Amino acid sequence: MRFRIINTIIILLVSAGLVLAFFGLASFMYVLAFIVFYILFLLTVSTNVRFNFFVESFSENRKIKENQIAITFDDGPVENTLEILKVLDKYKAKAGFFCIGKRIEEQPDIFKEIIEKGHLVGNHTYTHTRKMGALGVSRIVWEIKECNRIAEETAGIKMMLFRPPFGIVSPKTHKALQKTGLISVGWSIRSFDAIVSSEEIVLNRIKKRIKPGAIILLHDNNAKTVKILEQLLVFLKNNNYEVVRPDKLLEINAYS
C-alpha cells in the first residue's frame, strides 16, 4: 500500500506541475490543497482501525443497554502480564489480551495462565512489525497464521479475533482477513499508555471517554499500566460499570 500511495502522490504532484505551467498559480493552489487533503485522509484512515474504511472492525457496542465495557491489552505476554492478571483477579474483572506470536513462544506459561484465568486471547500477528502498512497480502496472512499456529500448539485453541498492530489497516489487511477467516477487533478508547508517561493523564483520558459498550486499549508490556488499571477498575466499580470480556460485549465468538 505504501508504494501505491507514493506512486499516486508522484502522479498528483506531476499533474499539479502541469496545472501550474498551463493554468496559472490559482489553479495550482487548488490542486496542491487537494493533494495535501488526500495525503492526510489516507494517513488517517489507514492508521485508525476504528474508522472501518479498509477493514470492518468491532470497536464498540453502541446498542448495549447495560453499564458494561471491555478492557483489552496488546503486545504481551510478558512478565508484566502476571501483575496485570493479579489486579484483574483482585477486582474480579475479565479482559482481552491480543498477543504477539513471538512472545507466546517466549512466555508459553503466561499465555496459558491468561486463558486459565478466563480471559480472552486474540491474534496480534507473529512479529508485530512496524512495517505492517507496507506488507503484502501473503506476508500478512503468514503473520496471522503463524501467531495462530503457536497459540494452538501452546494452549490448544484456535483464535478467531485479530487486532492489527498500531491499528494500521489497508486493502491488503482486508484480503488477508478474508483468507484467514479472522475478525478484526479495534477499540473506542485509546489510552496512549505506551506513549504518555503520566499515569494521571492516561487515566483521565480514559475516564472522560467511558460509556456503555466501550472497548479500552491498554498495553500489558508497560509497567505503569498496572497502576493505571487498578485505579481504572476502582473508578469503574464506583460508577457501577461491569468489566466483561470483549467477545461477550460484542456478542461474537473468540475461538473456532
Protein backbone atom coordinates (compact mmCIF):
# COMPACT_ATOMS: atom_id res chain seq x y z
CA MET A 1 0.00 0.00 0.00
CA ARG A 2 2.81 2.41 0.86
CA PHE A 3 4.28 2.20 -2.63
CA ARG A 4 0.85 2.64 -4.23
CA ILE A 5 0.33 5.82 -2.19
CA ILE A 6 3.78 7.12 -3.09
CA ASN A 7 3.16 6.48 -6.79
CA THR A 8 -0.21 8.22 -6.57
CA ILE A 9 1.34 11.22 -4.83
CA ILE A 10 4.04 11.47 -7.50
CA ILE A 11 1.38 11.42 -10.23
CA LEU A 12 -0.60 14.12 -8.43
CA LEU A 13 2.48 16.30 -7.98
CA VAL A 14 3.35 15.99 -11.67
CA SER A 15 -0.23 16.87 -12.52
CA ALA A 16 -0.01 19.89 -10.22
CA GLY A 17 3.14 20.99 -12.02
CA LEU A 18 1.34 20.76 -15.36
CA VAL A 19 -1.57 22.76 -13.95
CA LEU A 20 0.85 25.46 -12.83
CA ALA A 21 2.50 25.55 -16.25
CA PHE A 22 -0.72 25.78 -18.26
CA PHE A 23 -3.38 27.27 -15.99
CA GLY A 24 -1.52 29.51 -13.55
CA LEU A 25 -0.93 29.82 -9.80
CA ALA A 26 -4.55 29.91 -8.63
CA SER A 27 -5.41 26.56 -10.20
CA PHE A 28 -2.14 25.13 -8.92
CA MET A 29 -3.02 26.09 -5.34
CA TYR A 30 -6.37 24.32 -5.62
CA VAL A 31 -4.68 21.14 -6.85
CA LEU A 32 -2.00 21.39 -4.15
CA ALA A 33 -4.65 21.75 -1.45
CA PHE A 34 -6.37 18.63 -2.79
CA ILE A 35 -3.09 16.68 -2.67
CA VAL A 36 -2.47 17.69 0.95
CA PHE A 37 -6.04 16.72 1.89
CA TYR A 38 -5.67 13.38 0.09
CA ILE A 39 -2.43 12.53 1.92
CA LEU A 40 -3.90 13.44 5.32
CA PHE A 41 -7.04 11.44 4.56
CA LEU A 42 -5.08 8.30 3.63
CA LEU A 43 -2.86 8.58 6.70
CA THR A 44 -5.89 8.96 8.95
CA VAL A 45 -7.97 6.06 7.62
CA SER A 46 -5.01 3.68 7.32
CA THR A 47 -3.78 4.22 10.88
CA ASN A 48 -7.10 4.13 12.72
CA VAL A 49 -8.89 0.78 12.71
CA ARG A 50 -11.97 2.43 14.25
CA PHE A 51 -12.97 4.15 11.01
CA ASN A 52 -13.79 0.84 9.27
CA PHE A 53 -12.57 2.30 5.98
CA PHE A 54 -10.43 -0.58 4.70
CA VAL A 55 -11.41 -3.24 7.23
CA GLU A 56 -14.70 -3.77 9.06
CA SER A 57 -13.77 -3.93 12.76
CA PHE A 58 -15.68 -4.35 16.01
CA SER A 59 -14.60 -1.34 18.09
CA GLU A 60 -17.53 -0.91 20.50
CA ASN A 61 -21.11 -1.98 21.11
CA ARG A 62 -23.32 1.06 20.66
CA LYS A 63 -26.54 -0.90 21.18
CA ILE A 64 -25.75 -2.20 24.65
CA LYS A 65 -28.05 -1.01 27.43
CA GLU A 66 -26.15 -2.32 30.44
CA ASN A 67 -23.23 -0.49 32.05
CA GLN A 68 -20.70 -2.88 30.54
CA ILE A 69 -17.32 -2.16 28.99
CA ALA A 70 -14.31 -4.21 27.90
CA ILE A 71 -10.63 -3.72 28.69
CA THR A 72 -8.06 -5.06 26.24
CA PHE A 73 -4.28 -5.38 26.39
CA ASP A 74 -1.87 -5.51 23.46
CA ASP A 75 1.73 -6.72 22.95
CA GLY A 76 2.08 -9.49 25.55
CA PRO A 77 2.52 -11.96 27.02
CA VAL A 78 5.42 -10.66 29.12
CA GLU A 79 6.41 -10.86 32.78
CA ASN A 80 4.39 -7.72 33.50
CA THR A 81 1.27 -9.54 32.28
CA LEU A 82 1.34 -11.50 35.56
CA GLU A 83 0.93 -8.26 37.51
CA ILE A 84 -1.97 -7.28 35.25
CA LEU A 85 -3.62 -10.65 35.93
CA LYS A 86 -3.30 -10.16 39.70
CA VAL A 87 -5.11 -6.82 39.51
CA LEU A 88 -7.86 -8.26 37.31
CA ASP A 89 -8.29 -11.14 39.78
CA LYS A 90 -8.50 -8.70 42.68
CA TYR A 91 -11.45 -6.89 41.09
CA LYS A 92 -13.00 -10.00 39.51
CA ALA A 93 -12.73 -8.46 36.04
CA LYS A 94 -12.28 -10.33 32.75
CA ALA A 95 -10.29 -8.81 29.91
CA GLY A 96 -8.93 -9.47 26.44
CA PHE A 97 -5.26 -9.97 25.58
CA PHE A 98 -4.13 -9.60 21.97
CA CYS A 99 -0.86 -11.49 21.92
CA ILE A 100 2.22 -11.44 19.72
CA GLY A 101 3.22 -14.87 18.42
CA LYS A 102 6.91 -14.47 19.22
CA ARG A 103 6.07 -13.57 22.80
CA ILE A 104 3.76 -16.55 23.16
CA GLU A 105 6.78 -18.66 22.19
CA GLU A 106 8.91 -16.89 24.79
CA GLN A 107 6.29 -17.00 27.57
CA PRO A 108 4.04 -20.03 26.95
CA ASP A 109 3.19 -20.46 30.65
CA ILE A 110 1.97 -16.86 30.95
CA PHE A 111 -0.11 -17.29 27.80
CA LYS A 112 -1.72 -20.39 29.25
CA GLU A 113 -2.32 -18.64 32.58
CA ILE A 114 -4.24 -15.86 30.80
CA ILE A 115 -6.57 -18.48 29.36
CA GLU A 116 -6.84 -20.49 32.59
CA LYS A 117 -7.98 -17.36 34.44
CA GLY A 118 -10.86 -16.96 31.99
CA HIS A 119 -9.60 -14.10 29.89
CA LEU A 120 -9.77 -13.86 26.12
CA VAL A 121 -6.70 -14.16 23.90
CA GLY A 122 -6.51 -12.84 20.35
CA ASN A 123 -4.11 -12.63 17.43
CA HIS A 124 -1.75 -9.63 17.24
CA THR A 125 0.48 -11.07 14.46
CA TYR A 126 3.66 -13.04 14.92
CA THR A 127 6.28 -10.25 14.80
CA HIS A 128 4.29 -7.03 15.42
CA THR A 129 6.36 -5.36 12.72
CA ARG A 130 6.36 -1.59 12.34
CA LYS A 131 6.25 -2.17 8.59
CA MET A 132 2.69 -3.51 8.79
CA GLY A 133 1.40 -0.93 6.31
CA ALA A 134 3.96 -2.00 3.70
CA LEU A 135 3.43 -5.75 3.92
CA GLY A 136 1.90 -7.72 1.06
CA VAL A 137 -1.15 -9.92 1.46
CA SER A 138 0.87 -13.14 1.63
CA ARG A 139 3.10 -11.80 4.41
CA ILE A 140 0.14 -10.56 6.47
CA VAL A 141 -1.50 -13.97 6.04
CA TRP A 142 1.72 -15.59 7.28
CA GLU A 143 1.88 -13.24 10.30
CA ILE A 144 -1.68 -14.17 11.25
CA LYS A 145 -1.38 -17.90 10.61
CA GLU A 146 1.96 -18.20 12.42
CA CYS A 147 0.58 -16.50 15.53
CA ASN A 148 -2.47 -18.77 15.46
CA ARG A 149 -0.32 -21.86 14.94
CA ILE A 150 1.77 -21.11 18.02
CA ALA A 151 -1.32 -20.35 20.11
CA GLU A 152 -2.90 -23.67 19.12
CA GLU A 153 0.30 -25.63 19.81
CA THR A 154 0.71 -23.87 23.17
CA ALA A 155 -2.83 -23.94 24.52
CA GLY A 156 -4.95 -25.95 22.09
CA ILE A 157 -7.13 -23.03 20.98
CA LYS A 158 -7.95 -21.60 17.55
CA MET A 159 -8.16 -17.82 17.87
CA MET A 160 -10.77 -16.02 15.78
CA LEU A 161 -10.15 -12.41 16.79
CA PHE A 162 -7.41 -10.22 15.32
CA ARG A 163 -6.08 -6.80 16.21
CA PRO A 164 -3.76 -5.10 13.69
CA PRO A 165 -0.51 -3.77 15.17
CA PHE A 166 -0.66 0.00 15.73
CA GLY A 167 -4.20 -0.08 14.29
CA ILE A 168 -2.72 0.03 10.79
CA VAL A 169 -5.00 -1.40 8.11
CA SER A 170 -5.15 -1.42 4.32
CA PRO A 171 -6.95 -3.26 1.50
CA LYS A 172 -4.25 -5.92 1.93
CA THR A 173 -5.26 -6.41 5.55
CA HIS A 174 -8.84 -6.89 4.37
CA LYS A 175 -7.77 -9.57 1.88
CA ALA A 176 -5.61 -11.32 4.49
CA LEU A 177 -8.52 -11.49 6.92
CA GLN A 178 -10.74 -12.90 4.18
CA LYS A 179 -8.14 -15.62 3.54
CA THR A 180 -7.66 -16.49 7.21
CA GLY A 181 -11.26 -16.06 8.37
CA LEU A 182 -10.37 -13.90 11.38
CA ILE A 183 -12.42 -10.98 12.70
CA SER A 184 -10.84 -7.58 13.36
CA VAL A 185 -11.37 -6.05 16.80
CA GLY A 186 -10.44 -2.44 17.42
CA TRP A 187 -11.15 -0.07 20.32
CA SER A 188 -13.16 3.03 21.10
CA ILE A 189 -10.84 4.41 23.79
CA ARG A 190 -7.14 4.63 23.03
CA SER A 191 -5.31 5.28 26.29
CA PHE A 192 -1.89 6.15 24.82
CA ASP A 193 -0.35 4.42 27.84
CA ALA A 194 2.55 3.34 25.62
CA ILE A 195 3.32 6.96 24.71
CA VAL A 196 2.27 9.24 27.58
CA SER A 197 4.48 8.97 30.68
CA SER A 198 1.98 10.44 33.16
CA GLU A 199 -0.32 7.87 34.76
CA GLU A 200 -2.73 10.65 35.74
CA ILE A 201 -3.06 11.97 32.18
CA VAL A 202 -3.65 8.47 30.78
CA LEU A 203 -6.25 7.67 33.44
CA ASN A 204 -8.10 10.96 32.97
CA ARG A 205 -8.13 10.47 29.22
CA ILE A 206 -9.88 7.12 29.68
CA LYS A 207 -12.32 8.37 32.33
CA LYS A 208 -13.55 11.21 30.11
CA ARG A 209 -14.43 8.76 27.34
CA ILE A 210 -16.08 5.99 29.36
CA LYS A 211 -19.54 4.99 28.20
CA PRO A 212 -21.50 1.72 27.96
CA GLY A 213 -20.22 -0.58 25.22
CA ALA A 214 -16.73 0.96 25.08
CA ILE A 215 -13.54 -1.00 24.45
CA ILE A 216 -10.40 0.33 26.13
CA LEU A 217 -6.92 -0.21 24.70
CA LEU A 218 -4.03 -0.68 27.15
CA HIS A 219 -0.65 -2.46 26.92
CA ASP A 220 0.41 -5.21 29.31
CA ASN A 221 4.09 -4.77 28.40
CA ASN A 222 4.10 -1.36 30.08
CA ALA A 223 4.94 -1.33 33.81
CA LYS A 224 2.90 1.76 34.66
CA THR A 225 -0.23 0.18 33.18
CA VAL A 226 -0.59 -1.93 36.34
CA LYS A 227 -1.27 1.16 38.49
CA ILE A 228 -3.43 2.72 35.78
CA LEU A 229 -5.51 -0.45 35.58
CA GLU A 230 -6.12 -0.64 39.33
CA GLN A 231 -7.23 3.00 39.53
CA LEU A 232 -9.41 2.49 36.47
CA LEU A 233 -11.11 -0.57 37.95
CA VAL A 234 -11.84 1.34 41.17
CA PHE A 235 -13.36 4.17 39.12
CA LEU A 236 -15.49 1.75 37.11
CA LYS A 237 -16.70 -0.05 40.23
CA ASN A 238 -17.64 3.24 41.89
CA ASN A 239 -19.60 4.20 38.77
CA ASN A 240 -21.41 0.86 38.56
CA TYR A 241 -19.67 -0.45 35.45
CA GLU A 242 -19.10 -4.15 34.85
CA VAL A 243 -15.91 -5.16 33.03
CA VAL A 244 -16.58 -8.07 30.67
CA ARG A 245 -14.62 -9.93 28.02
CA PRO A 246 -14.63 -8.27 24.59
CA ASP A 247 -16.33 -11.25 22.95
CA LYS A 248 -19.19 -11.05 25.47
CA LEU A 249 -19.52 -7.29 24.98
CA LEU A 250 -19.52 -7.61 21.19
CA GLU A 251 -21.52 -10.88 21.12
CA ILE A 252 -19.00 -12.63 18.85
CA ASN A 253 -17.02 -15.87 19.09
CA ALA A 254 -13.43 -15.67 20.30
CA TYR A 255 -12.45 -19.18 19.18
CA SER A 256 -13.44 -21.62 16.49
